[in-house]
Amino acid sequence: MSSDRIRDTDRLLIAIGKVVVQFQFVESVVAEMLASLLQLRQPDDQHRIMAAMSYKQKVDLLFDLYPSRRVQSWPDIDVGISRQALYAAEKYRNTVVHSFWHIGGEESRWMRTKADLRRSNGLRIQSSEVDIESLEVGSQSIYVIRDWYLGQTDRIKSATETLNAGIKAITGKK
């Protein structure tokens, strides 16, 4: 295996791992904030929320409660932008995790393949060359979104736009 292939493989695996771990932090922060808004005080309450609710349910309930129940010292945030950022983080993570990563194509490069059976006309298989740098930027964007509660709307908005563009790049949709 050439040194370029080894380097690309390492970068790809690290980027995928960072996407997964950064998203876990995002989901943990959402559960922790939700437990606080619900005034759940036991140390394991955050884990109960993580286990009992889907990510979308946690996000939706969090932003339903945030405006009226937030602690006064917490920043006033743009709920709509923050919600969209958290949705984008999950969509990006799902796009990365629910893909088949392999060497292929005419030039034997890293590829991403996704099969879909939920279409009315049956099986659809999408394959595209991998842009490793896009994955690296995506993991950094999830890292920014992790701090949605700090009220840095412009940073959150920019990171969300980057993730949405990254989803298009990963899936080969322009």
C-alpha atoms as a PDB file:
ATOM      1  CA  MET A   1       0.000   0.000   0.000  1.00  0.00           C
ATOM      2  CA  SER A   2       1.417   3.395  -0.942  1.00  0.00           C
ATOM      3  CA  SER A   3       2.257   5.971   1.700  1.00  0.00           C
ATOM      4  CA  ASP A   4      -0.446   8.286   0.264  1.00  0.00           C
ATOM      5  CA  ARG A   5      -3.057   5.540   0.659  1.00  0.00           C
ATOM      6  CA  ILE A   6      -1.930   4.879   4.249  1.00  0.00           C
ATOM      7  CA  ARG A   7      -2.046   8.598   5.044  1.00  0.00           C
ATOM      8  CA  ASP A   8      -5.507   8.960   3.467  1.00  0.00           C
ATOM      9  CA  THR A   9      -6.748   5.880   5.314  1.00  0.00           C
ATOM     10  CA  ASP A  10      -5.524   7.267   8.636  1.00  0.00           C
ATOM     11  CA  ARG A  11      -7.101  10.666   7.937  1.00  0.00           C
ATOM     12  CA  LEU A  12     -10.408   9.067   6.920  1.00  0.00           C
ATOM     13  CA  LEU A  13     -10.625   6.836   9.975  1.00  0.00           C
ATOM     14  CA  ILE A  14      -9.677   9.674  12.327  1.00  0.00           C
ATOM     15  CA  ALA A  15     -12.242  12.002  10.716  1.00  0.00           C
ATOM     16  CA  ILE A  16     -15.037   9.412  10.974  1.00  0.00           C
ATOM     17  CA  GLY A  17     -14.101   8.739  14.611  1.00  0.00           C
ATOM     18  CA  LYS A  18     -14.101  12.451  15.421  1.00  0.00           C
ATOM     19  CA  VAL A  19     -17.553  12.880  13.872  1.00  0.00           C
ATOM     20  CA  VAL A  20     -18.884  10.054  16.055  1.00  0.00           C
ATOM     21  CA  VAL A  21     -17.252  11.259  19.279  1.00  0.00           C
ATOM     22  CA  GLN A  22     -18.072  14.947  18.728  1.00  0.00           C
ATOM     23  CA  PHE A  23     -21.712  14.050  18.141  1.00  0.00           C
ATOM     24  CA  GLN A  24     -21.777  11.978  21.341  1.00  0.00           C
ATOM     25  CA  PHE A  25     -20.675  15.107  23.187  1.00  0.00           C
ATOM     26  CA  VAL A  26     -23.447  17.124  21.490  1.00  0.00           C
ATOM     27  CA  GLU A  27     -26.082  14.599  22.519  1.00  0.00           C
ATOM     28  CA  SER A  28     -24.712  14.468  26.055  1.00  0.00           C
ATOM     29  CA  VAL A  29     -24.884  18.268  26.392  1.00  0.00           C
ATOM     30  CA  VAL A  30     -28.476  18.222  25.122  1.00  0.00           C
ATOM     31  CA  ALA A  31     -29.415  15.590  27.722  1.00  0.00           C
ATOM     32  CA  GLU A  32     -27.599  17.448  30.493  1.00  0.00           C
ATOM     33  CA  MET A  33     -29.325  20.746  29.650  1.00  0.00           C
ATOM     34  CA  LEU A  34     -32.693  19.017  29.405  1.00  0.00           C
ATOM     35  CA  ALA A  35     -32.219  17.344  32.791  1.00  0.00           C
ATOM     36  CA  SER A  36     -31.414  20.743  34.251  1.00  0.00           C
ATOM     37  CA  LEU A  37     -34.485  22.387  32.687  1.00  0.00           C
ATOM     38  CA  LEU A  38     -36.655  19.560  34.021  1.00  0.00           C
ATOM     39  CA  GLN A  39     -35.043  20.069  37.431  1.00  0.00           C
ATOM     40  CA  LEU A  40     -33.912  16.473  37.620  1.00  0.00           C
ATOM     41  CA  ARG A  41     -31.249  16.406  40.306  1.00  0.00           C
ATOM     42  CA  GLN A  42     -30.020  12.840  40.587  1.00  0.00           C
ATOM     43  CA  PRO A  43     -26.614  12.127  39.037  1.00  0.00           C
ATOM     44  CA  ASP A  44     -28.037   9.442  36.733  1.00  0.00           C
ATOM     45  CA  ASP A  45     -30.924  11.563  35.409  1.00  0.00           C
ATOM     46  CA  GLN A  46     -28.936  12.675  32.369  1.00  0.00           C
ATOM     47  CA  HIS A  47     -28.344   9.019  31.485  1.00  0.00           C
ATOM     48  CA  ARG A  48     -32.037   8.254  31.927  1.00  0.00           C
ATOM     49  CA  ILE A  49     -32.886  10.983  29.427  1.00  0.00           C
ATOM     50  CA  MET A  50     -30.232   9.702  27.011  1.00  0.00           C
ATOM     51  CA  ALA A  51     -31.663   6.195  27.185  1.00  0.00           C
ATOM     52  CA  ALA A  52     -35.371   7.032  27.201  1.00  0.00           C
ATOM     53  CA  MET A  53     -35.672   9.548  24.388  1.00  0.00           C
ATOM     54  CA  SER A  54     -34.600   9.796  20.781  1.00  0.00           C
ATOM     55  CA  TYR A  55     -32.205  12.595  19.918  1.00  0.00           C
ATOM     56  CA  LYS A  56     -34.932  14.556  18.104  1.00  0.00           C
ATOM     57  CA  GLN A  57     -37.304  14.198  21.069  1.00  0.00           C
ATOM     58  CA  LYS A  58     -34.619  15.550  23.394  1.00  0.00           C
ATOM     59  CA  VAL A  59     -33.878  18.495  21.108  1.00  0.00           C
ATOM     60  CA  ASP A  60     -37.555  19.347  20.603  1.00  0.00           C
ATOM     61  CA  LEU A  61     -38.367  19.226  24.322  1.00  0.00           C
ATOM     62  CA  LEU A  62     -35.220  21.155  25.214  1.00  0.00           C
ATOM     63  CA  PHE A  63     -36.121  24.047  22.929  1.00  0.00           C
ATOM     64  CA  ASP A  64     -39.735  24.006  23.996  1.00  0.00           C
ATOM     65  CA  LEU A  65     -38.625  24.506  27.610  1.00  0.00           C
ATOM     66  CA  TYR A  66     -35.508  26.657  27.175  1.00  0.00           C
ATOM     67  CA  PRO A  67     -37.126  30.097  26.758  1.00  0.00           C
ATOM     68  CA  SER A  68     -39.284  29.830  29.880  1.00  0.00           C
ATOM     69  CA  ARG A  69     -37.135  27.684  32.166  1.00  0.00           C
ATOM     70  CA  ARG A  70     -33.538  28.651  31.469  1.00  0.00           C
ATOM     71  CA  VAL A  71     -31.462  29.754  34.418  1.00  0.00           C
ATOM     72  CA  GLN A  72     -31.064  33.552  34.378  1.00  0.00           C
ATOM     73  CA  SER A  73     -27.295  33.280  34.023  1.00  0.00           C
ATOM     74  CA  TRP A  74     -27.675  31.241  30.823  1.00  0.00           C
ATOM     75  CA  PRO A  75     -27.397  33.256  27.603  1.00  0.00           C
ATOM     76  CA  ASP A  76     -30.450  34.146  25.582  1.00  0.00           C
ATOM     77  CA  ILE A  77     -30.040  32.077  22.425  1.00  0.00           C
ATOM     78  CA  ASP A  78     -31.700  31.961  19.034  1.00  0.00           C
ATOM     79  CA  VAL A  79     -33.781  28.827  19.535  1.00  0.00           C
ATOM     80  CA  GLY A  80     -34.492  28.343  15.822  1.00  0.00           C
ATOM     81  CA  ILE A  81     -30.842  28.528  14.766  1.00  0.00           C
ATOM     82  CA  SER A  82     -29.723  26.334  17.662  1.00  0.00           C
ATOM     83  CA  ARG A  83     -32.369  23.713  16.896  1.00  0.00           C
ATOM     84  CA  GLN A  84     -31.406  23.628  13.212  1.00  0.00           C
ATOM     85  CA  ALA A  85     -27.733  23.303  14.188  1.00  0.00           C
ATOM     86  CA  LEU A  86     -28.458  20.309  16.412  1.00  0.00           C
ATOM     87  CA  TYR A  87     -30.570  18.683  13.686  1.00  0.00           C
ATOM     88  CA  ALA A  88     -27.770  19.251  11.150  1.00  0.00           C
ATOM     89  CA  ALA A  89     -25.225  17.676  13.504  1.00  0.00           C
ATOM     90  CA  GLU A  90     -27.334  14.522  13.738  1.00  0.00           C
ATOM     91  CA  LYS A  91     -27.979  14.389  10.005  1.00  0.00           C
ATOM     92  CA  TYR A  92     -24.267  14.758   9.310  1.00  0.00           C
ATOM     93  CA  ARG A  93     -23.356  12.064  11.834  1.00  0.00           C
ATOM     94  CA  ASN A  94     -25.986   9.719  10.376  1.00  0.00           C
ATOM     95  CA  THR A  95     -24.713  10.353   6.854  1.00  0.00           C
ATOM     96  CA  VAL A  96     -21.210   9.414   7.967  1.00  0.00           C
ATOM     97  CA  VAL A  97     -22.082   6.462  10.196  1.00  0.00           C
ATOM     98  CA  HIS A  98     -24.653   4.830   7.922  1.00  0.00           C
ATOM     99  CA  SER A  99     -22.318   4.596   4.957  1.00  0.00           C
ATOM    100  CA  PHE A 100     -20.040   1.943   3.556  1.00  0.00           C
ATOM    101  CA  TRP A 101     -16.485   3.261   3.194  1.00  0.00           C
ATOM    102  CA  HIS A 102     -14.240   1.373   0.774  1.00  0.00           C
ATOM    103  CA  ILE A 103     -11.476   1.586  -1.810  1.00  0.00           C
ATOM    104  CA  GLY A 104     -12.901   1.611  -5.317  1.00  0.00           C
ATOM    105  CA  GLY A 105     -13.434   3.457  -8.545  1.00  0.00           C
ATOM    106  CA  GLU A 106     -11.187   3.638 -11.550  1.00  0.00           C
ATOM    107  CA  GLU A 107      -8.341   5.182  -9.563  1.00  0.00           C
ATOM    108  CA  SER A 108      -8.717   2.951  -6.472  1.00  0.00           C
ATOM    109  CA  ARG A 109      -9.579   5.829  -4.156  1.00  0.00           C
ATOM    110  CA  TRP A 110     -11.624   6.004  -0.983  1.00  0.00           C
ATOM    111  CA  MET A 111     -15.337   5.845  -1.805  1.00  0.00           C
ATOM    112  CA  ARG A 112     -18.557   6.163   0.145  1.00  0.00           C
ATOM    113  CA  THR A 113     -21.513   3.975  -0.816  1.00  0.00           C
ATOM    114  CA  LYS A 114     -25.051   4.121   0.504  1.00  0.00           C
ATOM    115  CA  ALA A 115     -27.839   1.736  -0.479  1.00  0.00           C
ATOM    116  CA  ASP A 116     -31.494   2.683  -0.080  1.00  0.00           C
ATOM    117  CA  LEU A 117     -34.507   0.365  -0.311  1.00  0.00           C
ATOM    118  CA  ARG A 118     -37.121   2.892   0.801  1.00  0.00           C
ATOM    119  CA  ARG A 119     -37.723   4.267  -2.682  1.00  0.00           C
ATOM    120  CA  SER A 120     -40.856   3.466  -4.656  1.00  0.00           C
ATOM    121  CA  ASN A 121     -38.767   2.065  -7.507  1.00  0.00           C
ATOM    122  CA  GLY A 122     -36.705  -0.250  -5.301  1.00  0.00           C
ATOM    123  CA  LEU A 123     -33.004  -0.397  -4.623  1.00  0.00           C
ATOM    124  CA  ARG A 124     -30.867   2.667  -5.236  1.00  0.00           C
ATOM    125  CA  ILE A 125     -27.124   2.620  -4.684  1.00  0.00           C
ATOM    126  CA  GLN A 126     -25.190   5.879  -4.502  1.00  0.00           C
ATOM    127  CA  SER A 127     -21.423   5.970  -4.621  1.00  0.00           C
ATOM    128  CA  SER A 128     -19.063   8.900  -4.642  1.00  0.00           C
ATOM    129  CA  GLU A 129     -15.414   9.650  -4.080  1.00  0.00           C
ATOM    130  CA  VAL A 130     -14.601  10.714  -0.540  1.00  0.00           C
ATOM    131  CA  ASP A 131     -13.468  14.237   0.245  1.00  0.00           C
ATOM    132  CA  ILE A 132     -11.518  13.566   3.447  1.00  0.00           C
ATOM    133  CA  GLU A 133     -10.974  17.251   4.105  1.00  0.00           C
ATOM    134  CA  SER A 134     -14.749  17.764   4.067  1.00  0.00           C
ATOM    135  CA  LEU A 135     -15.087  15.101   6.789  1.00  0.00           C
ATOM    136  CA  GLU A 136     -12.382  16.805   8.854  1.00  0.00           C
ATOM    137  CA  VAL A 137     -14.141  20.160   8.522  1.00  0.00           C
ATOM    138  CA  GLY A 138     -17.442  18.479   9.412  1.00  0.00           C
ATOM    139  CA  SER A 139     -16.067  17.126  12.688  1.00  0.00           C
ATOM    140  CA  GLN A 140     -14.786  20.617  13.528  1.00  0.00           C
ATOM    141  CA  SER A 141     -18.235  22.042  12.781  1.00  0.00           C
ATOM    142  CA  ILE A 142     -19.882  19.549  15.130  1.00  0.00           C
ATOM    143  CA  TYR A 143     -17.354  20.641  17.757  1.00  0.00           C
ATOM    144  CA  VAL A 144     -18.544  24.251  17.308  1.00  0.00           C
ATOM    145  CA  ILE A 145     -22.211  23.219  17.462  1.00  0.00           C
ATOM    146  CA  ARG A 146     -21.515  21.383  20.697  1.00  0.00           C
ATOM    147  CA  ASP A 147     -21.359  24.825  22.333  1.00  0.00           C
ATOM    148  CA  TRP A 148     -24.729  26.006  20.961  1.00  0.00           C
ATOM    149  CA  TYR A 149     -25.821  27.118  24.445  1.00  0.00           C
ATOM    150  CA  LEU A 150     -23.152  29.861  24.642  1.00  0.00           C
ATOM    151  CA  GLY A 151     -25.227  32.156  22.433  1.00  0.00           C
ATOM    152  CA  GLN A 152     -22.632  32.537  19.662  1.00  0.00           C
ATOM    153  CA  THR A 153     -25.266  32.599  16.927  1.00  0.00           C
ATOM    154  CA  ASP A 154     -22.976  33.554  14.033  1.00  0.00           C
ATOM    155  CA  ARG A 155     -20.540  30.709  14.779  1.00  0.00           C
ATOM    156  CA  ILE A 156     -23.395  28.212  15.141  1.00  0.00           C
ATOM    157  CA  LYS A 157     -25.033  29.396  11.933  1.00  0.00           C
ATOM    158  CA  SER A 158     -21.748  29.138  10.009  1.00  0.00           C
ATOM    159  CA  ALA A 159     -21.050  25.641  11.374  1.00  0.00           C
ATOM    160  CA  THR A 160     -24.575  24.546  10.400  1.00  0.00           C
ATOM    161  CA  GLU A 161     -24.087  25.816   6.854  1.00  0.00           C
ATOM    162  CA  THR A 162     -20.768  23.959   6.698  1.00  0.00           C
ATOM    163  CA  LEU A 163     -22.427  20.708   7.840  1.00  0.00           C
ATOM    164  CA  ASN A 164     -25.255  21.069   5.321  1.00  0.00           C
ATOM    165  CA  ALA A 165     -22.718  21.642   2.538  1.00  0.00           C
ATOM    166  CA  GLY A 166     -20.709  18.682   3.871  1.00  0.00           C
ATOM    167  CA  ILE A 167     -23.745  16.406   3.658  1.00  0.00           C
ATOM    168  CA  LYS A 168     -24.111  17.339  -0.005  1.00  0.00           C
ATOM    169  CA  ALA A 169     -20.407  16.733  -0.590  1.00  0.00           C
ATOM    170  CA  ILE A 170     -20.452  13.339   1.148  1.00  0.00           C
ATOM    171  CA  THR A 171     -23.557  12.145  -0.660  1.00  0.00           C
ATOM    172  CA  GLY A 172     -22.412  13.475  -4.024  1.00  0.00           C
ATOM    173  CA  LYS A 173     -25.427  15.807  -4.288  1.00  0.00           C
ATOM    174  CA  LYS A 174     -24.642  19.320  -5.397  1.00  0.00           C
END
